[in-house]
């Protein structure tokens, strides 16, 4: 009798895992049906040969671009190169990407940038808020942009116990922002386990100097996030392996 129960439980477990793997596979392939489109004036941007992750653009046309993310399971074409933030002037006819210099006081060798968001204060000073993954952990780095020197001045690193597996960020004001968590765990295998079981532990967080709070939760994965110009509405790319209840 004991063996029969054990076999029944094993069979049920294998069936559940199989169903989860099939669902994951379907989700991964959901966007692979691509219509053939004739390229217009597309061309490879010089300086970004190793890929990029996120972009944010100033009203003047200057664009900040984070280098390709380094993470287990993701292809990386420059594994020995530290992460960078590139600057492009979209007003130029053939814009090129220039890596910005970063001031001292920041560990550039551990720079692994992800999402980017820009804040411009009343004095027109530009600040970059960047999701970073040093040692595969998650922090938010704050820099001031010096346009004349084409450099970033390091100001602050923000850490919090809820900052696990951060993905993207949108800034509202000085040290006030929303961030998305695409998974609950940092470890690659635990993330895979989380995805297979569809634990839906991902969330969207709001940070201010007062504290951090969860403002939306119950997602398989919360990816990019953006805000309307008046900051009344926010949109995030959300994934879920099963329909909302």
C-alpha atoms as a PDB file:
ATOM      1  CA  UNK A   1       0.000   0.000   0.000  1.00  0.00           C
ATOM      2  CA  UNK A   2       2.842   2.369   0.892  1.00  0.00           C
ATOM      3  CA  UNK A   3       4.543   1.756  -2.464  1.00  0.00           C
ATOM      4  CA  UNK A   4       1.291   2.455  -4.312  1.00  0.00           C
ATOM      5  CA  UNK A   5       0.868   5.769  -2.507  1.00  0.00           C
ATOM      6  CA  UNK A   6       4.492   6.685  -3.229  1.00  0.00           C
ATOM      7  CA  UNK A   7       4.104   5.856  -6.926  1.00  0.00           C
ATOM      8  CA  UNK A   8       0.870   7.824  -7.089  1.00  0.00           C
ATOM      9  CA  UNK A   9       2.531  10.873  -5.533  1.00  0.00           C
ATOM     10  CA  UNK A  10       5.533  10.513  -7.845  1.00  0.00           C
ATOM     11  CA  UNK A  11       3.299  10.289 -10.902  1.00  0.00           C
ATOM     12  CA  UNK A  12       1.280  13.319  -9.828  1.00  0.00           C
ATOM     13  CA  UNK A  13       4.460  15.284  -9.169  1.00  0.00           C
ATOM     14  CA  UNK A  14       5.953  14.406 -12.556  1.00  0.00           C
ATOM     15  CA  UNK A  15       2.687  15.314 -14.292  1.00  0.00           C
ATOM     16  CA  UNK A  16       2.616  18.677 -12.529  1.00  0.00           C
ATOM     17  CA  UNK A  17       6.250  19.431 -13.389  1.00  0.00           C
ATOM     18  CA  UNK A  18       5.625  18.401 -16.998  1.00  0.00           C
ATOM     19  CA  UNK A  19       2.620  20.711 -17.237  1.00  0.00           C
ATOM     20  CA  UNK A  20       4.643  23.594 -15.751  1.00  0.00           C
ATOM     21  CA  UNK A  21       7.530  23.033 -18.169  1.00  0.00           C
ATOM     22  CA  UNK A  22       5.131  22.949 -21.122  1.00  0.00           C
ATOM     23  CA  UNK A  23       3.479  26.179 -19.949  1.00  0.00           C
ATOM     24  CA  UNK A  24       6.884  27.850 -19.529  1.00  0.00           C
ATOM     25  CA  UNK A  25       7.889  26.732 -23.001  1.00  0.00           C
ATOM     26  CA  UNK A  26       4.682  28.119 -24.491  1.00  0.00           C
ATOM     27  CA  UNK A  27       5.248  31.423 -22.724  1.00  0.00           C
ATOM     28  CA  UNK A  28       8.831  31.642 -23.944  1.00  0.00           C
ATOM     29  CA  UNK A  29       7.728  30.927 -27.522  1.00  0.00           C
ATOM     30  CA  UNK A  30       4.720  33.245 -27.405  1.00  0.00           C
ATOM     31  CA  UNK A  31       6.569  36.107 -29.068  1.00  0.00           C
ATOM     32  CA  UNK A  32       8.519  34.080 -31.614  1.00  0.00           C
ATOM     33  CA  UNK A  33       5.940  34.405 -34.382  1.00  0.00           C
ATOM     34  CA  UNK A  34       7.535  37.278 -36.251  1.00  0.00           C
ATOM     35  CA  UNK A  35       6.189  38.905 -39.394  1.00  0.00           C
ATOM     36  CA  UNK A  36       8.750  39.550 -42.085  1.00  0.00           C
ATOM     37  CA  UNK A  37       9.392  43.287 -42.275  1.00  0.00           C
ATOM     38  CA  UNK A  38      11.756  44.949 -44.707  1.00  0.00           C
ATOM     39  CA  UNK A  39      14.291  47.038 -42.729  1.00  0.00           C
ATOM     40  CA  UNK A  40      14.199  50.745 -43.472  1.00  0.00           C
ATOM     41  CA  UNK A  41      17.318  52.591 -42.340  1.00  0.00           C
ATOM     42  CA  UNK A  42      18.481  50.238 -39.574  1.00  0.00           C
ATOM     43  CA  UNK A  43      22.209  49.953 -38.963  1.00  0.00           C
ATOM     44  CA  UNK A  44      24.536  48.759 -36.225  1.00  0.00           C
ATOM     45  CA  UNK A  45      25.446  51.524 -33.782  1.00  0.00           C
ATOM     46  CA  UNK A  46      29.180  51.841 -33.370  1.00  0.00           C
ATOM     47  CA  UNK A  47      30.159  51.249 -29.753  1.00  0.00           C
ATOM     48  CA  UNK A  48      27.235  48.939 -28.936  1.00  0.00           C
ATOM     49  CA  UNK A  49      28.554  45.811 -30.626  1.00  0.00           C
ATOM     50  CA  UNK A  50      28.241  43.845 -27.373  1.00  0.00           C
ATOM     51  CA  UNK A  51      24.568  44.671 -26.900  1.00  0.00           C
ATOM     52  CA  UNK A  52      22.509  46.936 -24.664  1.00  0.00           C
ATOM     53  CA  UNK A  53      19.785  46.564 -22.050  1.00  0.00           C
ATOM     54  CA  UNK A  54      17.834  49.780 -21.466  1.00  0.00           C
ATOM     55  CA  UNK A  55      17.567  53.341 -22.763  1.00  0.00           C
ATOM     56  CA  UNK A  56      16.245  56.672 -21.495  1.00  0.00           C
ATOM     57  CA  UNK A  57      16.232  59.906 -23.499  1.00  0.00           C
ATOM     58  CA  UNK A  58      16.489  63.554 -22.491  1.00  0.00           C
ATOM     59  CA  UNK A  59      14.213  66.166 -24.135  1.00  0.00           C
ATOM     60  CA  UNK A  60      17.356  67.496 -25.843  1.00  0.00           C
ATOM     61  CA  UNK A  61      17.832  64.209 -27.696  1.00  0.00           C
ATOM     62  CA  UNK A  62      20.703  62.836 -25.621  1.00  0.00           C
ATOM     63  CA  UNK A  63      20.146  59.146 -24.923  1.00  0.00           C
ATOM     64  CA  UNK A  64      21.596  57.070 -22.082  1.00  0.00           C
ATOM     65  CA  UNK A  65      22.004  53.352 -22.787  1.00  0.00           C
ATOM     66  CA  UNK A  66      23.045  50.587 -20.399  1.00  0.00           C
ATOM     67  CA  UNK A  67      25.347  47.842 -21.669  1.00  0.00           C
ATOM     68  CA  UNK A  68      24.196  44.250 -22.068  1.00  0.00           C
ATOM     69  CA  UNK A  69      23.185  42.572 -18.803  1.00  0.00           C
ATOM     70  CA  UNK A  70      25.418  39.839 -17.398  1.00  0.00           C
ATOM     71  CA  UNK A  71      23.338  37.108 -15.819  1.00  0.00           C
ATOM     72  CA  UNK A  72      23.443  33.279 -15.707  1.00  0.00           C
ATOM     73  CA  UNK A  73      21.572  31.817 -18.637  1.00  0.00           C
ATOM     74  CA  UNK A  74      21.898  34.952 -20.768  1.00  0.00           C
ATOM     75  CA  UNK A  75      24.413  35.179 -23.646  1.00  0.00           C
ATOM     76  CA  UNK A  76      27.207  37.663 -23.082  1.00  0.00           C
ATOM     77  CA  UNK A  77      29.663  38.765 -25.740  1.00  0.00           C
ATOM     78  CA  UNK A  78      32.062  40.613 -23.430  1.00  0.00           C
ATOM     79  CA  UNK A  79      32.251  38.574 -20.202  1.00  0.00           C
ATOM     80  CA  UNK A  80      35.491  40.240 -19.072  1.00  0.00           C
ATOM     81  CA  UNK A  81      34.311  43.807 -19.676  1.00  0.00           C
ATOM     82  CA  UNK A  82      32.682  45.730 -16.800  1.00  0.00           C
ATOM     83  CA  UNK A  83      29.266  47.258 -17.440  1.00  0.00           C
ATOM     84  CA  UNK A  84      29.017  50.735 -18.951  1.00  0.00           C
ATOM     85  CA  UNK A  85      26.591  53.567 -19.561  1.00  0.00           C
ATOM     86  CA  UNK A  86      26.729  54.932 -23.091  1.00  0.00           C
ATOM     87  CA  UNK A  87      25.693  58.349 -24.387  1.00  0.00           C
ATOM     88  CA  UNK A  88      24.259  58.988 -27.849  1.00  0.00           C
ATOM     89  CA  UNK A  89      23.163  62.234 -29.451  1.00  0.00           C
ATOM     90  CA  UNK A  90      20.081  61.333 -31.471  1.00  0.00           C
ATOM     91  CA  UNK A  91      20.245  64.699 -33.245  1.00  0.00           C
ATOM     92  CA  UNK A  92      23.297  63.544 -35.200  1.00  0.00           C
ATOM     93  CA  UNK A  93      22.815  62.002 -38.619  1.00  0.00           C
ATOM     94  CA  UNK A  94      24.979  58.985 -37.741  1.00  0.00           C
ATOM     95  CA  UNK A  95      24.995  58.853 -33.942  1.00  0.00           C
ATOM     96  CA  UNK A  96      27.705  56.900 -32.156  1.00  0.00           C
ATOM     97  CA  UNK A  97      27.676  55.518 -28.641  1.00  0.00           C
ATOM     98  CA  UNK A  98      30.283  56.917 -26.268  1.00  0.00           C
ATOM     99  CA  UNK A  99      30.999  55.218 -22.927  1.00  0.00           C
ATOM    100  CA  UNK A 100      30.660  57.747 -20.118  1.00  0.00           C
ATOM    101  CA  UNK A 101      33.436  58.097 -17.567  1.00  0.00           C
ATOM    102  CA  UNK A 102      32.413  57.315 -13.994  1.00  0.00           C
ATOM    103  CA  UNK A 103      33.930  59.190 -11.074  1.00  0.00           C
ATOM    104  CA  UNK A 104      35.944  57.617  -8.263  1.00  0.00           C
ATOM    105  CA  UNK A 105      34.224  56.167  -5.225  1.00  0.00           C
ATOM    106  CA  UNK A 106      32.248  53.663  -7.278  1.00  0.00           C
ATOM    107  CA  UNK A 107      33.374  50.067  -7.953  1.00  0.00           C
ATOM    108  CA  UNK A 108      33.352  50.086 -11.749  1.00  0.00           C
ATOM    109  CA  UNK A 109      34.550  46.477 -11.993  1.00  0.00           C
ATOM    110  CA  UNK A 110      31.303  45.265 -10.391  1.00  0.00           C
ATOM    111  CA  UNK A 111      29.060  47.498 -12.500  1.00  0.00           C
ATOM    112  CA  UNK A 112      26.305  45.381 -14.081  1.00  0.00           C
ATOM    113  CA  UNK A 113      23.634  47.914 -15.135  1.00  0.00           C
ATOM    114  CA  UNK A 114      20.039  47.021 -15.938  1.00  0.00           C
ATOM    115  CA  UNK A 115      17.103  49.484 -15.971  1.00  0.00           C
ATOM    116  CA  UNK A 116      17.670  53.274 -16.260  1.00  0.00           C
ATOM    117  CA  UNK A 117      15.525  56.263 -15.331  1.00  0.00           C
ATOM    118  CA  UNK A 118      16.286  60.000 -15.567  1.00  0.00           C
ATOM    119  CA  UNK A 119      15.339  62.755 -13.131  1.00  0.00           C
ATOM    120  CA  UNK A 120      15.792  66.464 -13.963  1.00  0.00           C
ATOM    121  CA  UNK A 121      15.564  68.907 -11.061  1.00  0.00           C
ATOM    122  CA  UNK A 122      14.429  72.560 -11.120  1.00  0.00           C
ATOM    123  CA  UNK A 123      17.996  73.671 -11.871  1.00  0.00           C
ATOM    124  CA  UNK A 124      18.030  71.384 -14.940  1.00  0.00           C
ATOM    125  CA  UNK A 125      20.589  69.084 -13.362  1.00  0.00           C
ATOM    126  CA  UNK A 126      20.277  65.566 -14.752  1.00  0.00           C
ATOM    127  CA  UNK A 127      20.407  62.539 -12.458  1.00  0.00           C
ATOM    128  CA  UNK A 128      20.540  58.887 -13.523  1.00  0.00           C
ATOM    129  CA  UNK A 129      18.987  56.164 -11.374  1.00  0.00           C
ATOM    130  CA  UNK A 130      20.333  52.796 -12.463  1.00  0.00           C
ATOM    131  CA  UNK A 131      19.455  49.280 -11.351  1.00  0.00           C
ATOM    132  CA  UNK A 132      22.758  47.482 -10.722  1.00  0.00           C
ATOM    133  CA  UNK A 133      23.579  43.819 -10.056  1.00  0.00           C
ATOM    134  CA  UNK A 134      26.941  43.573  -8.257  1.00  0.00           C
ATOM    135  CA  UNK A 135      27.623  39.935  -7.357  1.00  0.00           C
ATOM    136  CA  UNK A 136      24.163  39.166  -8.861  1.00  0.00           C
ATOM    137  CA  UNK A 137      22.499  41.171  -6.078  1.00  0.00           C
ATOM    138  CA  UNK A 138      20.356  44.261  -6.655  1.00  0.00           C
ATOM    139  CA  UNK A 139      21.020  47.894  -5.805  1.00  0.00           C
ATOM    140  CA  UNK A 140      20.005  51.283  -7.177  1.00  0.00           C
ATOM    141  CA  UNK A 141      22.874  53.618  -8.078  1.00  0.00           C
ATOM    142  CA  UNK A 142      22.440  57.395  -8.328  1.00  0.00           C
ATOM    143  CA  UNK A 143      24.706  59.475 -10.593  1.00  0.00           C
ATOM    144  CA  UNK A 144      24.805  63.122 -11.663  1.00  0.00           C
ATOM    145  CA  UNK A 145      25.406  63.726 -15.363  1.00  0.00           C
ATOM    146  CA  UNK A 146      28.105  66.253 -16.246  1.00  0.00           C
ATOM    147  CA  UNK A 147      27.374  67.170 -19.847  1.00  0.00           C
ATOM    148  CA  UNK A 148      30.521  69.208 -20.499  1.00  0.00           C
ATOM    149  CA  UNK A 149      32.839  66.445 -19.304  1.00  0.00           C
ATOM    150  CA  UNK A 150      30.556  63.671 -20.660  1.00  0.00           C
ATOM    151  CA  UNK A 151      30.848  61.874 -17.354  1.00  0.00           C
ATOM    152  CA  UNK A 152      28.826  60.497 -14.445  1.00  0.00           C
ATOM    153  CA  UNK A 153      29.511  61.600 -10.873  1.00  0.00           C
ATOM    154  CA  UNK A 154      28.706  58.846  -8.400  1.00  0.00           C
ATOM    155  CA  UNK A 155      26.448  60.034  -5.571  1.00  0.00           C
ATOM    156  CA  UNK A 156      24.844  57.151  -3.711  1.00  0.00           C
ATOM    157  CA  UNK A 157      24.034  53.438  -3.585  1.00  0.00           C
ATOM    158  CA  UNK A 158      20.585  52.487  -2.298  1.00  0.00           C
ATOM    159  CA  UNK A 159      20.124  49.021  -0.791  1.00  0.00           C
ATOM    160  CA  UNK A 160      17.134  47.374   0.863  1.00  0.00           C
ATOM    161  CA  UNK A 161      16.178  43.877   1.967  1.00  0.00           C
ATOM    162  CA  UNK A 162      13.266  43.925  -0.509  1.00  0.00           C
ATOM    163  CA  UNK A 163      15.591  44.777  -3.401  1.00  0.00           C
ATOM    164  CA  UNK A 164      15.906  41.258  -4.798  1.00  0.00           C
ATOM    165  CA  UNK A 165      16.099  40.564  -8.527  1.00  0.00           C
ATOM    166  CA  UNK A 166      15.266  44.123  -9.564  1.00  0.00           C
ATOM    167  CA  UNK A 167      14.617  44.753 -13.236  1.00  0.00           C
ATOM    168  CA  UNK A 168      13.503  48.278 -14.142  1.00  0.00           C
ATOM    169  CA  UNK A 169      13.013  51.651 -12.467  1.00  0.00           C
ATOM    170  CA  UNK A 170      11.040  54.864 -12.976  1.00  0.00           C
ATOM    171  CA  UNK A 171      11.910  57.960 -10.929  1.00  0.00           C
ATOM    172  CA  UNK A 172       9.293  60.402  -9.603  1.00  0.00           C
ATOM    173  CA  UNK A 173      11.467  62.859  -7.683  1.00  0.00           C
ATOM    174  CA  UNK A 174      14.592  63.053  -5.526  1.00  0.00           C
ATOM    175  CA  UNK A 175      15.042  59.535  -4.117  1.00  0.00           C
ATOM    176  CA  UNK A 176      11.475  58.547  -4.951  1.00  0.00           C
ATOM    177  CA  UNK A 177      10.975  55.776  -7.471  1.00  0.00           C
ATOM    178  CA  UNK A 178       9.171  52.586  -8.434  1.00  0.00           C
ATOM    179  CA  UNK A 179      11.116  49.404  -9.189  1.00  0.00           C
ATOM    180  CA  UNK A 180       9.986  46.052 -10.582  1.00  0.00           C
ATOM    181  CA  UNK A 181      11.114  42.636  -9.382  1.00  0.00           C
ATOM    182  CA  UNK A 182      11.147  40.098 -12.199  1.00  0.00           C
ATOM    183  CA  UNK A 183      11.700  37.230  -9.727  1.00  0.00           C
ATOM    184  CA  UNK A 184      11.769  36.729  -5.982  1.00  0.00           C
ATOM    185  CA  UNK A 185      15.107  34.881  -5.864  1.00  0.00           C
ATOM    186  CA  UNK A 186      18.530  35.974  -7.098  1.00  0.00           C
ATOM    187  CA  UNK A 187      19.913  32.457  -7.532  1.00  0.00           C
ATOM    188  CA  UNK A 188      19.494  31.196 -11.112  1.00  0.00           C
ATOM    189  CA  UNK A 189      18.294  27.711 -10.151  1.00  0.00           C
ATOM    190  CA  UNK A 190      15.873  29.028  -7.536  1.00  0.00           C
ATOM    191  CA  UNK A 191      14.539  31.466 -10.138  1.00  0.00           C
ATOM    192  CA  UNK A 192      13.989  28.538 -12.509  1.00  0.00           C
ATOM    193  CA  UNK A 193      12.233  26.599  -9.731  1.00  0.00           C
ATOM    194  CA  UNK A 194      10.105  29.669  -8.989  1.00  0.00           C
ATOM    195  CA  UNK A 195       9.117  30.004 -12.636  1.00  0.00           C
ATOM    196  CA  UNK A 196       8.267  26.306 -13.088  1.00  0.00           C
ATOM    197  CA  UNK A 197       6.017  26.288 -10.024  1.00  0.00           C
ATOM    198  CA  UNK A 198       4.576  29.687 -10.985  1.00  0.00           C
ATOM    199  CA  UNK A 199       4.911  30.941  -7.423  1.00  0.00           C
ATOM    200  CA  UNK A 200       3.910  34.484  -8.474  1.00  0.00           C
ATOM    201  CA  UNK A 201       6.080  36.154  -5.863  1.00  0.00           C
ATOM    202  CA  UNK A 202       7.132  39.071  -8.089  1.00  0.00           C
ATOM    203  CA  UNK A 203       6.028  42.577  -7.194  1.00  0.00           C
ATOM    204  CA  UNK A 204       6.361  46.305  -7.810  1.00  0.00           C
ATOM    205  CA  UNK A 205       7.943  48.393  -5.059  1.00  0.00           C
ATOM    206  CA  UNK A 206       7.822  52.082  -4.183  1.00  0.00           C
ATOM    207  CA  UNK A 207      10.895  53.620  -2.553  1.00  0.00           C
ATOM    208  CA  UNK A 208      11.205  56.917  -0.683  1.00  0.00           C
ATOM    209  CA  UNK A 209      13.515  58.067   2.131  1.00  0.00           C
ATOM    210  CA  UNK A 210      10.689  57.128   4.497  1.00  0.00           C
ATOM    211  CA  UNK A 211      10.806  53.465   3.491  1.00  0.00           C
ATOM    212  CA  UNK A 212       9.942  50.799   0.925  1.00  0.00           C
ATOM    213  CA  UNK A 213       6.527  49.277   0.364  1.00  0.00           C
ATOM    214  CA  UNK A 214       4.972  46.765  -2.019  1.00  0.00           C
ATOM    215  CA  UNK A 215       2.371  48.502  -4.202  1.00  0.00           C
ATOM    216  CA  UNK A 216       1.436  45.584  -6.502  1.00  0.00           C
ATOM    217  CA  UNK A 217       2.131  41.855  -6.258  1.00  0.00           C
ATOM    218  CA  UNK A 218       1.090  38.382  -7.352  1.00  0.00           C
ATOM    219  CA  UNK A 219       2.976  38.230 -10.668  1.00  0.00           C
ATOM    220  CA  UNK A 220       5.111  35.510 -12.230  1.00  0.00           C
ATOM    221  CA  UNK A 221       7.418  38.290 -13.406  1.00  0.00           C
ATOM    222  CA  UNK A 222       7.305  42.103 -13.352  1.00  0.00           C
ATOM    223  CA  UNK A 223       9.527  43.501 -16.081  1.00  0.00           C
ATOM    224  CA  UNK A 224       9.796  47.040 -17.454  1.00  0.00           C
ATOM    225  CA  UNK A 225       7.958  50.022 -15.986  1.00  0.00           C
ATOM    226  CA  UNK A 226       7.207  53.546 -17.184  1.00  0.00           C
ATOM    227  CA  UNK A 227       5.100  56.548 -16.177  1.00  0.00           C
ATOM    228  CA  UNK A 228       2.902  59.040 -18.015  1.00  0.00           C
ATOM    229  CA  UNK A 229       4.320  62.595 -18.232  1.00  0.00           C
ATOM    230  CA  UNK A 230       1.983  63.795 -15.463  1.00  0.00           C
ATOM    231  CA  UNK A 231       2.900  60.736 -13.312  1.00  0.00           C
ATOM    232  CA  UNK A 232      -0.761  59.876 -12.842  1.00  0.00           C
ATOM    233  CA  UNK A 233      -0.486  56.518 -14.613  1.00  0.00           C
ATOM    234  CA  UNK A 234       2.097  53.761 -14.546  1.00  0.00           C
ATOM    235  CA  UNK A 235       2.483  50.789 -16.851  1.00  0.00           C
ATOM    236  CA  UNK A 236       4.526  47.660 -16.289  1.00  0.00           C
ATOM    237  CA  UNK A 237       5.145  44.603 -18.405  1.00  0.00           C
ATOM    238  CA  UNK A 238       3.703  41.751 -16.343  1.00  0.00           C
ATOM    239  CA  UNK A 239       3.994  38.008 -16.926  1.00  0.00           C
ATOM    240  CA  UNK A 240       1.814  35.284 -15.431  1.00  0.00           C
ATOM    241  CA  UNK A 241       1.714  31.593 -16.308  1.00  0.00           C
ATOM    242  CA  UNK A 242      -1.966  31.243 -15.504  1.00  0.00           C
ATOM    243  CA  UNK A 243      -4.993  33.473 -15.889  1.00  0.00           C
ATOM    244  CA  UNK A 244      -5.933  35.870 -13.071  1.00  0.00           C
ATOM    245  CA  UNK A 245      -8.452  34.389 -10.680  1.00  0.00           C
END
